[in-house]
């Protein structure tokens, strides 16, 4: 696939895909003329990168994960450890946001009660 085709399939601009490549997050084959040639499997990998970013994984950690991924199966234990650690972070963030939500509910209930007394 060309960069335009994968951009359409991943809903990412070509500039972001080039940036990911520059950072080493994705490794892209090239045709003899130098044109990028993405594989179908790159779609799932790019989606995973996005989910890592969206769940708050630091870019330097995503880069490390990508390097390990491209190094092969022997790095699976290290990648697993990274994901377990990140999962713990995500769970902590969820708990924090649940607490924030409860605090908002309490404040909303307070204002409704006070406004009802006016």
C-alpha atoms as a PDB file:
ATOM      1  CA  UNK A   1       0.000   0.000   0.000  1.00  0.00           C
ATOM      2  CA  UNK A   2       1.126   3.538  -0.605  1.00  0.00           C
ATOM      3  CA  UNK A   3       1.303   6.100   2.161  1.00  0.00           C
ATOM      4  CA  UNK A   4      -1.927   7.639   0.883  1.00  0.00           C
ATOM      5  CA  UNK A   5      -3.734   4.318   0.999  1.00  0.00           C
ATOM      6  CA  UNK A   6      -2.617   3.492   4.524  1.00  0.00           C
ATOM      7  CA  UNK A   7      -3.369   7.048   5.632  1.00  0.00           C
ATOM      8  CA  UNK A   8      -6.940   6.537   4.456  1.00  0.00           C
ATOM      9  CA  UNK A   9      -7.229   3.138   6.160  1.00  0.00           C
ATOM     10  CA  UNK A  10      -5.799   4.339   9.486  1.00  0.00           C
ATOM     11  CA  UNK A  11      -7.342   7.829   9.444  1.00  0.00           C
ATOM     12  CA  UNK A  12      -3.893   9.309  10.064  1.00  0.00           C
ATOM     13  CA  UNK A  13      -2.365  11.986   7.881  1.00  0.00           C
ATOM     14  CA  UNK A  14       0.644  11.021   5.788  1.00  0.00           C
ATOM     15  CA  UNK A  15       2.721  13.506   7.784  1.00  0.00           C
ATOM     16  CA  UNK A  16       2.011  11.547  10.986  1.00  0.00           C
ATOM     17  CA  UNK A  17       2.974   8.283   9.305  1.00  0.00           C
ATOM     18  CA  UNK A  18       6.238   9.831   8.129  1.00  0.00           C
ATOM     19  CA  UNK A  19       6.838  11.106  11.667  1.00  0.00           C
ATOM     20  CA  UNK A  20       6.193   7.632  13.109  1.00  0.00           C
ATOM     21  CA  UNK A  21       8.693   6.242  10.623  1.00  0.00           C
ATOM     22  CA  UNK A  22      11.273   8.906  11.548  1.00  0.00           C
ATOM     23  CA  UNK A  23      10.860   7.999  15.240  1.00  0.00           C
ATOM     24  CA  UNK A  24      11.297   4.304  14.475  1.00  0.00           C
ATOM     25  CA  UNK A  25       7.748   3.398  15.474  1.00  0.00           C
ATOM     26  CA  UNK A  26       7.114   1.836  12.083  1.00  0.00           C
ATOM     27  CA  UNK A  27       9.532   0.339   9.601  1.00  0.00           C
ATOM     28  CA  UNK A  28       8.375   0.570   6.038  1.00  0.00           C
ATOM     29  CA  UNK A  29       9.680  -1.283   3.019  1.00  0.00           C
ATOM     30  CA  UNK A  30      10.470   0.769  -0.041  1.00  0.00           C
ATOM     31  CA  UNK A  31      10.098   0.063  -3.711  1.00  0.00           C
ATOM     32  CA  UNK A  32      13.159   0.423  -5.955  1.00  0.00           C
ATOM     33  CA  UNK A  33      12.004   3.958  -6.793  1.00  0.00           C
ATOM     34  CA  UNK A  34      12.036   4.853  -3.068  1.00  0.00           C
ATOM     35  CA  UNK A  35       8.249   4.916  -2.639  1.00  0.00           C
ATOM     36  CA  UNK A  36       7.012   3.590   0.708  1.00  0.00           C
ATOM     37  CA  UNK A  37       5.258   0.252   0.541  1.00  0.00           C
ATOM     38  CA  UNK A  38       3.112  -0.562   3.573  1.00  0.00           C
ATOM     39  CA  UNK A  39       1.935  -4.071   4.397  1.00  0.00           C
ATOM     40  CA  UNK A  40      -1.588  -4.982   5.479  1.00  0.00           C
ATOM     41  CA  UNK A  41      -0.154  -5.915   8.892  1.00  0.00           C
ATOM     42  CA  UNK A  42       0.985  -2.307   9.354  1.00  0.00           C
ATOM     43  CA  UNK A  43      -2.651  -1.261   9.811  1.00  0.00           C
ATOM     44  CA  UNK A  44      -3.012  -3.283  13.024  1.00  0.00           C
ATOM     45  CA  UNK A  45       0.403  -2.155  14.276  1.00  0.00           C
ATOM     46  CA  UNK A  46      -0.422   1.516  13.686  1.00  0.00           C
ATOM     47  CA  UNK A  47      -3.731   0.993  15.481  1.00  0.00           C
ATOM     48  CA  UNK A  48      -1.861  -0.477  18.439  1.00  0.00           C
ATOM     49  CA  UNK A  49       0.530   2.492  18.512  1.00  0.00           C
ATOM     50  CA  UNK A  50      -2.481   4.817  18.615  1.00  0.00           C
ATOM     51  CA  UNK A  51      -4.041   2.885  21.504  1.00  0.00           C
ATOM     52  CA  UNK A  52      -0.787   3.014  23.449  1.00  0.00           C
ATOM     53  CA  UNK A  53      -0.646   6.779  22.912  1.00  0.00           C
ATOM     54  CA  UNK A  54      -4.318   7.241  23.782  1.00  0.00           C
ATOM     55  CA  UNK A  55      -3.864   5.310  27.028  1.00  0.00           C
ATOM     56  CA  UNK A  56      -1.001   7.569  28.054  1.00  0.00           C
ATOM     57  CA  UNK A  57       2.106   5.552  27.239  1.00  0.00           C
ATOM     58  CA  UNK A  58       5.057   7.891  26.862  1.00  0.00           C
ATOM     59  CA  UNK A  59       6.493   8.243  23.378  1.00  0.00           C
ATOM     60  CA  UNK A  60       9.935   7.059  24.518  1.00  0.00           C
ATOM     61  CA  UNK A  61       8.313   3.872  25.847  1.00  0.00           C
ATOM     62  CA  UNK A  62       6.415   3.323  22.594  1.00  0.00           C
ATOM     63  CA  UNK A  63       9.711   3.731  20.744  1.00  0.00           C
ATOM     64  CA  UNK A  64      11.339   1.140  23.003  1.00  0.00           C
ATOM     65  CA  UNK A  65       8.401  -1.213  22.494  1.00  0.00           C
ATOM     66  CA  UNK A  66       8.647  -0.745  18.709  1.00  0.00           C
ATOM     67  CA  UNK A  67      12.398  -1.464  18.720  1.00  0.00           C
ATOM     68  CA  UNK A  68      11.755  -4.638  20.686  1.00  0.00           C
ATOM     69  CA  UNK A  69       8.920  -5.659  18.372  1.00  0.00           C
ATOM     70  CA  UNK A  70      11.087  -5.284  15.302  1.00  0.00           C
ATOM     71  CA  UNK A  71      13.916  -7.187  17.026  1.00  0.00           C
ATOM     72  CA  UNK A  72      11.778 -10.321  17.026  1.00  0.00           C
ATOM     73  CA  UNK A  73      10.193 -12.963  19.191  1.00  0.00           C
ATOM     74  CA  UNK A  74      13.093 -13.170  21.634  1.00  0.00           C
ATOM     75  CA  UNK A  75      11.967  -9.800  23.027  1.00  0.00           C
ATOM     76  CA  UNK A  76       8.471 -10.986  23.897  1.00  0.00           C
ATOM     77  CA  UNK A  77       9.152 -11.271  27.650  1.00  0.00           C
ATOM     78  CA  UNK A  78      10.360  -7.659  27.781  1.00  0.00           C
ATOM     79  CA  UNK A  79       7.388  -6.459  25.737  1.00  0.00           C
ATOM     80  CA  UNK A  80       5.040  -8.361  28.022  1.00  0.00           C
ATOM     81  CA  UNK A  81       6.612  -6.698  31.062  1.00  0.00           C
ATOM     82  CA  UNK A  82       6.159  -3.288  29.453  1.00  0.00           C
ATOM     83  CA  UNK A  83       2.497  -3.970  28.737  1.00  0.00           C
ATOM     84  CA  UNK A  84       1.827  -5.294  32.237  1.00  0.00           C
ATOM     85  CA  UNK A  85       3.395  -2.148  33.691  1.00  0.00           C
ATOM     86  CA  UNK A  86       1.370   0.048  31.348  1.00  0.00           C
ATOM     87  CA  UNK A  87      -1.815  -1.825  32.209  1.00  0.00           C
ATOM     88  CA  UNK A  88      -1.208  -0.987  35.865  1.00  0.00           C
ATOM     89  CA  UNK A  89      -0.822   2.684  34.916  1.00  0.00           C
ATOM     90  CA  UNK A  90      -4.087   2.569  32.926  1.00  0.00           C
ATOM     91  CA  UNK A  91      -5.935   0.981  35.853  1.00  0.00           C
ATOM     92  CA  UNK A  92      -4.600   3.667  38.198  1.00  0.00           C
ATOM     93  CA  UNK A  93      -5.770   6.361  35.782  1.00  0.00           C
ATOM     94  CA  UNK A  94      -9.209   4.760  35.567  1.00  0.00           C
ATOM     95  CA  UNK A  95      -9.500   4.809  39.352  1.00  0.00           C
ATOM     96  CA  UNK A  96      -8.430   8.440  39.439  1.00  0.00           C
ATOM     97  CA  UNK A  97     -11.025   9.423  36.812  1.00  0.00           C
ATOM     98  CA  UNK A  98     -13.728   7.480  38.634  1.00  0.00           C
ATOM     99  CA  UNK A  99     -12.927   9.508  41.746  1.00  0.00           C
ATOM    100  CA  UNK A 100     -13.074  12.723  39.727  1.00  0.00           C
ATOM    101  CA  UNK A 101     -16.455  11.631  38.366  1.00  0.00           C
ATOM    102  CA  UNK A 102     -17.774  10.984  41.872  1.00  0.00           C
ATOM    103  CA  UNK A 103     -16.550  14.411  42.982  1.00  0.00           C
ATOM    104  CA  UNK A 104     -18.404  16.019  40.071  1.00  0.00           C
ATOM    105  CA  UNK A 105     -21.565  14.106  40.900  1.00  0.00           C
ATOM    106  CA  UNK A 106     -21.393  15.375  44.475  1.00  0.00           C
ATOM    107  CA  UNK A 107     -20.899  18.963  43.342  1.00  0.00           C
ATOM    108  CA  UNK A 108     -23.755  18.705  40.841  1.00  0.00           C
ATOM    109  CA  UNK A 109     -26.030  17.277  43.544  1.00  0.00           C
ATOM    110  CA  UNK A 110     -25.029  20.126  45.858  1.00  0.00           C
ATOM    111  CA  UNK A 111     -25.906  22.777  43.265  1.00  0.00           C
ATOM    112  CA  UNK A 112     -29.219  21.107  42.399  1.00  0.00           C
ATOM    113  CA  UNK A 113     -30.128  20.987  46.057  1.00  0.00           C
ATOM    114  CA  UNK A 114     -29.127  24.613  46.670  1.00  0.00           C
ATOM    115  CA  UNK A 115     -30.890  25.874  43.547  1.00  0.00           C
ATOM    116  CA  UNK A 116     -34.019  23.962  44.588  1.00  0.00           C
ATOM    117  CA  UNK A 117     -34.015  25.878  47.885  1.00  0.00           C
ATOM    118  CA  UNK A 118     -34.052  29.259  46.138  1.00  0.00           C
END
